PDB file of all heavy atoms in Angstrom:
ATOM      1  N   GLY A   1      -0.792  12.726  -0.531  1.00  0.00           N
ATOM      2  CA  GLY A   1      -2.030  13.300  -0.099  1.00  0.00           C
ATOM      3  C   GLY A   1      -3.253  12.564  -0.506  1.00  0.00           C
ATOM      4  O   GLY A   1      -4.362  12.836  -0.045  1.00  0.00           O
ATOM      5  N   ARG A   2      -3.027  11.466  -1.202  1.00  0.00           N
ATOM      6  CA  ARG A   2      -4.188  10.518  -1.546  1.00  0.00           C
ATOM      7  C   ARG A   2      -3.942   9.181  -1.002  1.00  0.00           C
ATOM      8  O   ARG A   2      -5.074   8.540  -0.655  1.00  0.00           O
ATOM      9  CB  ARG A   2      -4.343  10.499  -3.090  1.00  0.00           C
ATOM     10  CG  ARG A   2      -4.584  11.830  -3.833  1.00  0.00           C
ATOM     11  CD  ARG A   2      -4.934  11.631  -5.245  1.00  0.00           C
ATOM     12  NE  ARG A   2      -3.809  11.016  -6.025  1.00  0.00           N
ATOM     13  CZ  ARG A   2      -3.875   9.872  -6.674  1.00  0.00           C
ATOM     14  NH1 ARG A   2      -5.030   9.181  -6.640  1.00  0.00           N
ATOM     15  NH2 ARG A   2      -2.844   9.482  -7.291  1.00  0.00           N
ATOM     16  N   PHE A   3      -2.788   8.679  -1.001  1.00  0.00           N
ATOM     17  CA  PHE A   3      -2.496   7.287  -0.531  1.00  0.00           C
ATOM     18  C   PHE A   3      -1.899   7.386   0.927  1.00  0.00           C
ATOM     19  O   PHE A   3      -1.085   8.301   1.144  1.00  0.00           O
ATOM     20  CB  PHE A   3      -1.573   6.596  -1.372  1.00  0.00           C
ATOM     21  CG  PHE A   3      -2.168   6.190  -2.789  1.00  0.00           C
ATOM     22  CD1 PHE A   3      -3.439   6.672  -3.262  1.00  0.00           C
ATOM     23  CD2 PHE A   3      -1.448   5.325  -3.561  1.00  0.00           C
ATOM     24  CE1 PHE A   3      -3.896   6.378  -4.457  1.00  0.00           C
ATOM     25  CE2 PHE A   3      -1.956   4.949  -4.769  1.00  0.00           C
ATOM     26  CZ  PHE A   3      -3.160   5.416  -5.222  1.00  0.00           C
ATOM     27  N   THR A   4      -2.183   6.424   1.663  1.00  0.00           N
ATOM     28  CA  THR A   4      -1.556   6.178   3.004  1.00  0.00           C
ATOM     29  C   THR A   4      -1.146   4.892   3.189  1.00  0.00           C
ATOM     30  O   THR A   4      -1.928   3.907   3.110  1.00  0.00           O
ATOM     31  CB  THR A   4      -2.467   6.681   4.153  1.00  0.00           C
ATOM     32  OG1 THR A   4      -2.907   7.976   3.989  1.00  0.00           O
ATOM     33  CG2 THR A   4      -1.797   6.608   5.457  1.00  0.00           C
ATOM     34  N   ILE A   5       0.145   4.571   3.503  1.00  0.00           N
ATOM     35  CA  ILE A   5       0.679   3.277   3.854  1.00  0.00           C
ATOM     36  C   ILE A   5       0.681   3.169   5.385  1.00  0.00           C
ATOM     37  O   ILE A   5       1.069   4.149   6.039  1.00  0.00           O
ATOM     38  CB  ILE A   5       2.059   3.062   3.158  1.00  0.00           C
ATOM     39  CG1 ILE A   5       2.424   1.613   3.275  1.00  0.00           C
ATOM     40  CG2 ILE A   5       3.097   4.053   3.661  1.00  0.00           C
ATOM     41  CD1 ILE A   5       3.714   1.285   2.313  1.00  0.00           C
ATOM     42  N   SER A   6       0.388   1.993   5.813  1.00  0.00           N
ATOM     43  CA  SER A   6       0.438   1.673   7.197  1.00  0.00           C
ATOM     44  C   SER A   6       0.812   0.230   7.392  1.00  0.00           C
ATOM     45  O   SER A   6       0.910  -0.537   6.519  1.00  0.00           O
ATOM     46  CB  SER A   6      -0.836   2.033   7.829  1.00  0.00           C
ATOM     47  OG  SER A   6      -1.920   1.143   7.405  1.00  0.00           O
ATOM     48  N   ARG A   7       1.112  -0.119   8.609  1.00  0.00           N
ATOM     49  CA  ARG A   7       1.814  -1.337   8.864  1.00  0.00           C
ATOM     50  C   ARG A   7       1.423  -1.909  10.266  1.00  0.00           C
ATOM     51  O   ARG A   7       1.374  -1.100  11.241  1.00  0.00           O
ATOM     52  CB  ARG A   7       3.333  -1.242   8.708  1.00  0.00           C
ATOM     53  CG  ARG A   7       4.058  -2.541   9.049  1.00  0.00           C
ATOM     54  CD  ARG A   7       5.642  -2.208   8.697  1.00  0.00           C
ATOM     55  NE  ARG A   7       6.417  -3.325   9.110  1.00  0.00           N
ATOM     56  CZ  ARG A   7       7.680  -3.416   8.721  1.00  0.00           C
ATOM     57  NH1 ARG A   7       8.307  -2.537   7.885  1.00  0.00           N
ATOM     58  NH2 ARG A   7       8.464  -4.389   9.265  1.00  0.00           N
ATOM     59  N   ASP A   8       1.146  -3.118  10.436  1.00  0.00           N
ATOM     60  CA  ASP A   8       0.855  -3.803  11.600  1.00  0.00           C
ATOM     61  C   ASP A   8       1.975  -4.809  11.806  1.00  0.00           C
ATOM     62  O   ASP A   8       1.975  -5.952  11.282  1.00  0.00           O
ATOM     63  CB  ASP A   8      -0.490  -4.440  11.665  1.00  0.00           C
ATOM     64  CG  ASP A   8      -0.857  -5.018  13.068  1.00  0.00           C
ATOM     65  OD1 ASP A   8      -0.006  -5.479  13.716  1.00  0.00           O
ATOM     66  OD2 ASP A   8      -2.059  -5.131  13.332  1.00  0.00           O
ATOM     67  N   ASN A   9       2.901  -4.517  12.749  1.00  0.00           N
ATOM     68  CA  ASN A   9       4.147  -5.349  12.843  1.00  0.00           C
ATOM     69  C   ASN A   9       3.779  -6.700  13.478  1.00  0.00           C
ATOM     70  O   ASN A   9       4.391  -7.676  13.255  1.00  0.00           O
ATOM     71  CB  ASN A   9       5.137  -4.601  13.656  1.00  0.00           C
ATOM     72  CG  ASN A   9       5.804  -3.524  12.882  1.00  0.00           C
ATOM     73  OD1 ASN A   9       5.918  -3.543  11.649  1.00  0.00           O
ATOM     74  ND2 ASN A   9       6.226  -2.453  13.568  1.00  0.00           N
ATOM     75  N   VAL A  10       2.711  -6.657  14.389  1.00  0.00           N
ATOM     76  CA  VAL A  10       2.334  -7.883  14.943  1.00  0.00           C
ATOM     77  C   VAL A  10       1.694  -8.898  13.943  1.00  0.00           C
ATOM     78  O   VAL A  10       1.978 -10.112  13.996  1.00  0.00           O
ATOM     79  CB  VAL A  10       1.319  -7.649  16.107  1.00  0.00           C
ATOM     80  CG1 VAL A  10       0.748  -8.937  16.645  1.00  0.00           C
ATOM     81  CG2 VAL A  10       1.933  -6.767  17.178  1.00  0.00           C
ATOM     82  N   LYS A  11       0.905  -8.402  13.022  1.00  0.00           N
ATOM     83  CA  LYS A  11       0.287  -9.237  12.032  1.00  0.00           C
ATOM     84  C   LYS A  11       1.167  -9.355  10.788  1.00  0.00           C
ATOM     85  O   LYS A  11       0.815 -10.216   9.934  1.00  0.00           O
ATOM     86  CB  LYS A  11      -1.025  -8.572  11.600  1.00  0.00           C
ATOM     87  CG  LYS A  11      -2.116  -8.570  12.633  1.00  0.00           C
ATOM     88  CD  LYS A  11      -3.417  -8.029  12.034  1.00  0.00           C
ATOM     89  CE  LYS A  11      -4.493  -7.871  13.109  1.00  0.00           C
ATOM     90  NZ  LYS A  11      -5.739  -7.365  12.486  1.00  0.00           N
ATOM     91  N   ASN A  12       2.350  -8.748  10.754  1.00  0.00           N
ATOM     92  CA  ASN A  12       3.162  -8.814   9.543  1.00  0.00           C
ATOM     93  C   ASN A  12       2.487  -8.430   8.285  1.00  0.00           C
ATOM     94  O   ASN A  12       2.609  -9.039   7.176  1.00  0.00           O
ATOM     95  CB  ASN A  12       3.851 -10.199   9.420  1.00  0.00           C
ATOM     96  CG  ASN A  12       5.311 -10.289   9.785  1.00  0.00           C
ATOM     97  OD1 ASN A  12       5.775  -9.337  10.447  1.00  0.00           O
ATOM     98  ND2 ASN A  12       5.895 -11.353   9.422  1.00  0.00           N
ATOM     99  N   THR A  13       1.742  -7.317   8.460  1.00  0.00           N
ATOM    100  CA  THR A  13       0.821  -6.884   7.374  1.00  0.00           C
ATOM    101  C   THR A  13       1.019  -5.408   7.090  1.00  0.00           C
ATOM    102  O   THR A  13       1.149  -4.570   7.996  1.00  0.00           O
ATOM    103  CB  THR A  13      -0.674  -7.130   7.762  1.00  0.00           C
ATOM    104  OG1 THR A  13      -0.874  -8.537   7.925  1.00  0.00           O
ATOM    105  CG2 THR A  13      -1.608  -6.700   6.569  1.00  0.00           C
ATOM    106  N   VAL A  14       1.059  -5.142   5.645  1.00  0.00           N
ATOM    107  CA  VAL A  14       1.066  -3.734   5.276  1.00  0.00           C
ATOM    108  C   VAL A  14      -0.166  -3.431   4.541  1.00  0.00           C
ATOM    109  O   VAL A  14      -0.770  -4.324   3.836  1.00  0.00           O
ATOM    110  CB  VAL A  14       2.373  -3.514   4.403  1.00  0.00           C
ATOM    111  CG1 VAL A  14       2.278  -4.331   3.075  1.00  0.00           C
ATOM    112  CG2 VAL A  14       2.556  -2.046   4.000  1.00  0.00           C
ATOM    113  N   TYR A  15      -0.707  -2.177   4.636  1.00  0.00           N
ATOM    114  CA  TYR A  15      -1.839  -1.677   4.027  1.00  0.00           C
ATOM    115  C   TYR A  15      -1.548  -0.476   3.155  1.00  0.00           C
ATOM    116  O   TYR A  15      -0.580   0.223   3.396  1.00  0.00           O
ATOM    117  CB  TYR A  15      -2.903  -1.284   5.023  1.00  0.00           C
ATOM    118  CG  TYR A  15      -3.111  -2.429   6.100  1.00  0.00           C
ATOM    119  CD1 TYR A  15      -2.448  -2.401   7.272  1.00  0.00           C
ATOM    120  CD2 TYR A  15      -4.093  -3.322   5.838  1.00  0.00           C
ATOM    121  CE1 TYR A  15      -2.718  -3.386   8.287  1.00  0.00           C
ATOM    122  CE2 TYR A  15      -4.420  -4.342   6.762  1.00  0.00           C
ATOM    123  CZ  TYR A  15      -3.646  -4.297   7.965  1.00  0.00           C
ATOM    124  OH  TYR A  15      -3.945  -5.284   8.871  1.00  0.00           O
ATOM    125  N   LEU A  16      -2.353  -0.350   2.142  1.00  0.00           N
ATOM    126  CA  LEU A  16      -2.286   0.878   1.333  1.00  0.00           C
ATOM    127  C   LEU A  16      -3.795   1.378   1.210  1.00  0.00           C
ATOM    128  O   LEU A  16      -4.511   0.782   0.418  1.00  0.00           O
ATOM    129  CB  LEU A  16      -1.655   0.563  -0.044  1.00  0.00           C
ATOM    130  CG  LEU A  16      -1.380   1.804  -0.905  1.00  0.00           C
ATOM    131  CD1 LEU A  16      -0.372   2.705  -0.308  1.00  0.00           C
ATOM    132  CD2 LEU A  16      -1.002   1.404  -2.253  1.00  0.00           C
ATOM    133  N   GLN A  17      -4.020   2.433   1.812  1.00  0.00           N
ATOM    134  CA  GLN A  17      -5.365   3.136   1.683  1.00  0.00           C
ATOM    135  C   GLN A  17      -5.262   4.046   0.525  1.00  0.00           C
ATOM    136  O   GLN A  17      -4.418   4.955   0.577  1.00  0.00           O
ATOM    137  CB  GLN A  17      -5.726   3.901   2.998  1.00  0.00           C
ATOM    138  CG  GLN A  17      -6.995   4.612   2.924  1.00  0.00           C
ATOM    139  CD  GLN A  17      -8.152   3.690   2.808  1.00  0.00           C
ATOM    140  OE1 GLN A  17      -8.311   2.686   3.488  1.00  0.00           O
ATOM    141  NE2 GLN A  17      -9.118   4.000   1.853  1.00  0.00           N
ATOM    142  N   MET A  18      -6.091   3.887  -0.485  1.00  0.00           N
ATOM    143  CA  MET A  18      -5.999   4.674  -1.683  1.00  0.00           C
ATOM    144  C   MET A  18      -7.338   5.400  -1.781  1.00  0.00           C
ATOM    145  O   MET A  18      -8.403   4.901  -1.937  1.00  0.00           O
ATOM    146  CB  MET A  18      -5.777   3.828  -2.868  1.00  0.00           C
ATOM    147  CG  MET A  18      -4.578   2.897  -2.874  1.00  0.00           C
ATOM    148  SD  MET A  18      -4.202   2.002  -4.314  1.00  0.00           S
ATOM    149  CE  MET A  18      -5.651   0.926  -4.323  1.00  0.00           C
ATOM    150  N   ASN A  19      -7.186   6.834  -1.700  1.00  0.00           N
ATOM    151  CA  ASN A  19      -8.373   7.710  -1.827  1.00  0.00           C
ATOM    152  C   ASN A  19      -8.281   8.521  -3.054  1.00  0.00           C
ATOM    153  O   ASN A  19      -7.157   8.673  -3.595  1.00  0.00           O
ATOM    154  CB  ASN A  19      -8.457   8.558  -0.542  1.00  0.00           C
ATOM    155  CG  ASN A  19      -8.735   7.807   0.694  1.00  0.00           C
ATOM    156  OD1 ASN A  19      -9.424   6.726   0.717  1.00  0.00           O
ATOM    157  ND2 ASN A  19      -8.133   8.241   1.822  1.00  0.00           N
ATOM    158  N   SER A  20      -9.358   9.081  -3.439  1.00  0.00           N
ATOM    159  CA  SER A  20      -9.416  10.008  -4.615  1.00  0.00           C
ATOM    160  C   SER A  20      -8.722   9.401  -5.806  1.00  0.00           C
ATOM    161  O   SER A  20      -7.964   9.989  -6.489  1.00  0.00           O
ATOM    162  CB  SER A  20      -8.679  11.278  -4.251  1.00  0.00           C
ATOM    163  OG  SER A  20      -9.419  12.020  -3.159  1.00  0.00           O
ATOM    164  N   LEU A  21      -9.055   8.190  -6.075  1.00  0.00           N
ATOM    165  CA  LEU A  21      -8.446   7.392  -7.080  1.00  0.00           C
ATOM    166  C   LEU A  21      -8.647   8.001  -8.535  1.00  0.00           C
ATOM    167  O   LEU A  21      -9.786   8.524  -8.805  1.00  0.00           O
ATOM    168  CB  LEU A  21      -8.892   5.976  -7.089  1.00  0.00           C
ATOM    169  CG  LEU A  21      -8.240   5.104  -5.988  1.00  0.00           C
ATOM    170  CD1 LEU A  21      -9.031   3.874  -5.760  1.00  0.00           C
ATOM    171  CD2 LEU A  21      -6.798   4.732  -6.376  1.00  0.00           C
ATOM    172  N   LYS A  22      -7.640   7.947  -9.383  1.00  0.00           N
ATOM    173  CA  LYS A  22      -7.678   8.458 -10.682  1.00  0.00           C
ATOM    174  C   LYS A  22      -7.458   7.307 -11.610  1.00  0.00           C
ATOM    175  O   LYS A  22      -6.846   6.328 -11.339  1.00  0.00           O
ATOM    176  CB  LYS A  22      -6.511   9.508 -10.820  1.00  0.00           C
ATOM    177  CG  LYS A  22      -6.645  10.587  -9.862  1.00  0.00           C
ATOM    178  CD  LYS A  22      -5.372  11.636 -10.032  1.00  0.00           C
ATOM    179  CE  LYS A  22      -5.352  12.759  -9.126  1.00  0.00           C
ATOM    180  NZ  LYS A  22      -4.197  13.583  -9.314  1.00  0.00           N
ATOM    181  N   PRO A  23      -7.884   7.531 -12.959  1.00  0.00           N
ATOM    182  CA  PRO A  23      -7.641   6.448 -13.952  1.00  0.00           C
ATOM    183  C   PRO A  23      -6.157   6.095 -14.093  1.00  0.00           C
ATOM    184  O   PRO A  23      -5.879   4.903 -14.368  1.00  0.00           O
ATOM    185  CB  PRO A  23      -8.175   7.150 -15.231  1.00  0.00           C
ATOM    186  CG  PRO A  23      -9.265   7.969 -14.703  1.00  0.00           C
ATOM    187  CD  PRO A  23      -8.741   8.599 -13.406  1.00  0.00           C
ATOM    188  N   GLU A  24      -5.273   7.060 -13.914  1.00  0.00           N
ATOM    189  CA  GLU A  24      -3.898   6.799 -13.964  1.00  0.00           C
ATOM    190  C   GLU A  24      -3.309   5.976 -12.833  1.00  0.00           C
ATOM    191  O   GLU A  24      -2.179   5.449 -12.933  1.00  0.00           O
ATOM    192  CB  GLU A  24      -3.059   8.088 -14.206  1.00  0.00           C
ATOM    193  CG  GLU A  24      -3.351   9.093 -13.144  1.00  0.00           C
ATOM    194  CD  GLU A  24      -4.303  10.129 -13.637  1.00  0.00           C
ATOM    195  OE1 GLU A  24      -5.332   9.803 -14.231  1.00  0.00           O
ATOM    196  OE2 GLU A  24      -4.103  11.389 -13.450  1.00  0.00           O
ATOM    197  N   ASP A  25      -4.132   5.696 -11.882  1.00  0.00           N
ATOM    198  CA  ASP A  25      -3.790   4.809 -10.803  1.00  0.00           C
ATOM    199  C   ASP A  25      -4.000   3.250 -11.192  1.00  0.00           C
ATOM    200  O   ASP A  25      -3.562   2.437 -10.420  1.00  0.00           O
ATOM    201  CB  ASP A  25      -4.521   5.100  -9.515  1.00  0.00           C
ATOM    202  CG  ASP A  25      -4.213   6.438  -8.969  1.00  0.00           C
ATOM    203  OD1 ASP A  25      -3.022   6.784  -8.950  1.00  0.00           O
ATOM    204  OD2 ASP A  25      -5.056   7.139  -8.424  1.00  0.00           O
ATOM    205  N   THR A  26      -4.570   3.078 -12.327  1.00  0.00           N
ATOM    206  CA  THR A  26      -4.846   1.686 -12.812  1.00  0.00           C
ATOM    207  C   THR A  26      -3.591   0.968 -12.979  1.00  0.00           C
ATOM    208  O   THR A  26      -2.734   1.401 -13.781  1.00  0.00           O
ATOM    209  CB  THR A  26      -5.641   1.744 -14.082  1.00  0.00           C
ATOM    210  OG1 THR A  26      -6.989   2.307 -13.803  1.00  0.00           O
ATOM    211  CG2 THR A  26      -5.974   0.347 -14.609  1.00  0.00           C
ATOM    212  N   ALA A  27      -3.508  -0.119 -12.358  1.00  0.00           N
ATOM    213  CA  ALA A  27      -2.186  -0.935 -12.423  1.00  0.00           C
ATOM    214  C   ALA A  27      -2.402  -2.223 -11.684  1.00  0.00           C
ATOM    215  O   ALA A  27      -3.330  -2.338 -10.976  1.00  0.00           O
ATOM    216  CB  ALA A  27      -1.084  -0.106 -11.894  1.00  0.00           C
ATOM    217  N   VAL A  28      -1.416  -3.095 -11.875  1.00  0.00           N
ATOM    218  CA  VAL A  28      -1.317  -4.193 -10.949  1.00  0.00           C
ATOM    219  C   VAL A  28      -0.361  -3.771  -9.801  1.00  0.00           C
ATOM    220  O   VAL A  28       0.764  -3.273  -9.999  1.00  0.00           O
ATOM    221  CB  VAL A  28      -0.663  -5.484 -11.536  1.00  0.00           C
ATOM    222  CG1 VAL A  28      -0.524  -6.514 -10.551  1.00  0.00           C
ATOM    223  CG2 VAL A  28      -1.596  -5.862 -12.679  1.00  0.00           C
ATOM    224  N   TYR A  29      -0.824  -3.948  -8.613  1.00  0.00           N
ATOM    225  CA  TYR A  29      -0.099  -3.455  -7.405  1.00  0.00           C
ATOM    226  C   TYR A  29       0.590  -4.638  -6.704  1.00  0.00           C
ATOM    227  O   TYR A  29      -0.065  -5.681  -6.433  1.00  0.00           O
ATOM    228  CB  TYR A  29      -0.972  -2.835  -6.394  1.00  0.00           C
ATOM    229  CG  TYR A  29      -1.390  -1.416  -6.841  1.00  0.00           C
ATOM    230  CD1 TYR A  29      -2.248  -1.168  -7.901  1.00  0.00           C
ATOM    231  CD2 TYR A  29      -0.801  -0.284  -6.137  1.00  0.00           C
ATOM    232  CE1 TYR A  29      -2.513   0.149  -8.339  1.00  0.00           C
ATOM    233  CE2 TYR A  29      -1.179   1.011  -6.612  1.00  0.00           C
ATOM    234  CZ  TYR A  29      -2.016   1.156  -7.653  1.00  0.00           C
ATOM    235  OH  TYR A  29      -2.343   2.506  -8.066  1.00  0.00           O
ATOM    236  N   TYR A  30       1.850  -4.548  -6.474  1.00  0.00           N
ATOM    237  CA  TYR A  30       2.618  -5.659  -5.896  1.00  0.00           C
ATOM    238  C   TYR A  30       3.200  -5.192  -4.537  1.00  0.00           C
ATOM    239  O   TYR A  30       3.872  -4.161  -4.558  1.00  0.00           O
ATOM    240  CB  TYR A  30       3.842  -6.024  -6.836  1.00  0.00           C
ATOM    241  CG  TYR A  30       3.396  -6.547  -8.160  1.00  0.00           C
ATOM    242  CD1 TYR A  30       3.188  -5.755  -9.222  1.00  0.00           C
ATOM    243  CD2 TYR A  30       3.195  -7.987  -8.391  1.00  0.00           C
ATOM    244  CE1 TYR A  30       2.888  -6.212 -10.489  1.00  0.00           C
ATOM    245  CE2 TYR A  30       2.912  -8.510  -9.635  1.00  0.00           C
ATOM    246  CZ  TYR A  30       2.696  -7.579 -10.662  1.00  0.00           C
ATOM    247  OH  TYR A  30       2.370  -7.980 -11.881  1.00  0.00           O
ATOM    248  N   CYS A  31       2.976  -5.925  -3.529  1.00  0.00           N
ATOM    249  CA  CYS A  31       3.633  -5.625  -2.256  1.00  0.00           C
ATOM    250  C   CYS A  31       4.915  -6.415  -2.152  1.00  0.00           C
ATOM    251  O   CYS A  31       5.187  -7.360  -2.905  1.00  0.00           O
ATOM    252  CB  CYS A  31       2.742  -5.927  -1.082  1.00  0.00           C
ATOM    253  SG  CYS A  31       2.457  -7.714  -0.820  1.00  0.00           S
ATOM    254  N   TYR A  32       5.778  -5.791  -1.303  1.00  0.00           N
ATOM    255  CA  TYR A  32       7.090  -6.431  -1.063  1.00  0.00           C
ATOM    256  C   TYR A  32       7.506  -6.348   0.412  1.00  0.00           C
ATOM    257  O   TYR A  32       6.950  -5.480   1.081  1.00  0.00           O
ATOM    258  CB  TYR A  32       8.209  -6.030  -1.984  1.00  0.00           C
ATOM    259  CG  TYR A  32       8.740  -4.663  -1.607  1.00  0.00           C
ATOM    260  CD1 TYR A  32       9.874  -4.578  -0.724  1.00  0.00           C
ATOM    261  CD2 TYR A  32       8.158  -3.395  -1.951  1.00  0.00           C
ATOM    262  CE1 TYR A  32      10.383  -3.294  -0.454  1.00  0.00           C
ATOM    263  CE2 TYR A  32       8.686  -2.241  -1.602  1.00  0.00           C
ATOM    264  CZ  TYR A  32       9.744  -2.103  -0.856  1.00  0.00           C
ATOM    265  OH  TYR A  32      10.297  -0.983  -0.509  1.00  0.00           O
ATOM    266  N   ALA A  33       8.313  -7.178   0.867  1.00  0.00           N
ATOM    267  CA  ALA A  33       8.914  -7.120   2.176  1.00  0.00           C
ATOM    268  C   ALA A  33      10.370  -7.377   2.095  1.00  0.00           C
ATOM    269  O   ALA A  33      10.745  -8.385   1.511  1.00  0.00           O
ATOM    270  CB  ALA A  33       8.183  -8.226   3.090  1.00  0.00           C
ATOM    271  N   GLN A  34      11.090  -6.486   2.646  1.00  0.00           N
ATOM    272  CA  GLN A  34      12.551  -6.515   2.670  1.00  0.00           C
ATOM    273  C   GLN A  34      13.044  -6.891   4.042  1.00  0.00           C
ATOM    274  O   GLN A  34      12.808  -6.267   4.974  1.00  0.00           O
ATOM    275  CB  GLN A  34      13.181  -5.243   2.221  1.00  0.00           C
ATOM    276  CG  GLN A  34      14.650  -5.132   2.135  1.00  0.00           C
ATOM    277  CD  GLN A  34      15.141  -3.721   1.910  1.00  0.00           C
ATOM    278  OE1 GLN A  34      14.546  -2.820   2.275  1.00  0.00           O
ATOM    279  NE2 GLN A  34      16.299  -3.640   1.246  1.00  0.00           N
ATOM    280  N   ILE A  35      13.941  -7.878   4.084  1.00  0.00           N
ATOM    281  CA  ILE A  35      14.724  -8.286   5.247  1.00  0.00           C
ATOM    282  C   ILE A  35      16.208  -7.912   4.944  1.00  0.00           C
ATOM    283  O   ILE A  35      16.603  -7.881   3.823  1.00  0.00           O
ATOM    284  CB  ILE A  35      14.541  -9.669   5.661  1.00  0.00           C
ATOM    285  CG1 ILE A  35      15.070 -10.643   4.655  1.00  0.00           C
ATOM    286  CG2 ILE A  35      13.130 -10.021   6.009  1.00  0.00           C
ATOM    287  CD1 ILE A  35      15.123 -12.116   5.055  1.00  0.00           C
ATOM    288  N   LEU A  36      16.931  -7.691   6.045  1.00  0.00           N
ATOM    289  CA  LEU A  36      18.316  -7.295   5.920  1.00  0.00           C
ATOM    290  C   LEU A  36      19.309  -8.417   6.249  1.00  0.00           C
ATOM    291  O   LEU A  36      20.427  -8.376   5.856  1.00  0.00           O
ATOM    292  CB  LEU A  36      18.657  -6.067   6.809  1.00  0.00           C
ATOM    293  CG  LEU A  36      17.822  -4.743   6.483  1.00  0.00           C
ATOM    294  CD1 LEU A  36      18.192  -3.659   7.477  1.00  0.00           C
ATOM    295  CD2 LEU A  36      18.113  -4.353   5.042  1.00  0.00           C
TER     296      LEU A  36
END
C-alpha cells in the first residue's frame, strides 16, 4: 500500500516508488536481477 515496484523491460530497469515513508524504512536498498 505504500511501495510500488515497476519495470521497463526495454530499458532493463526496475523502479521502486516509495510513498508514506516511515523511519523504519531506513536502510540500504539493494536491487537484484535474476536470470534462469
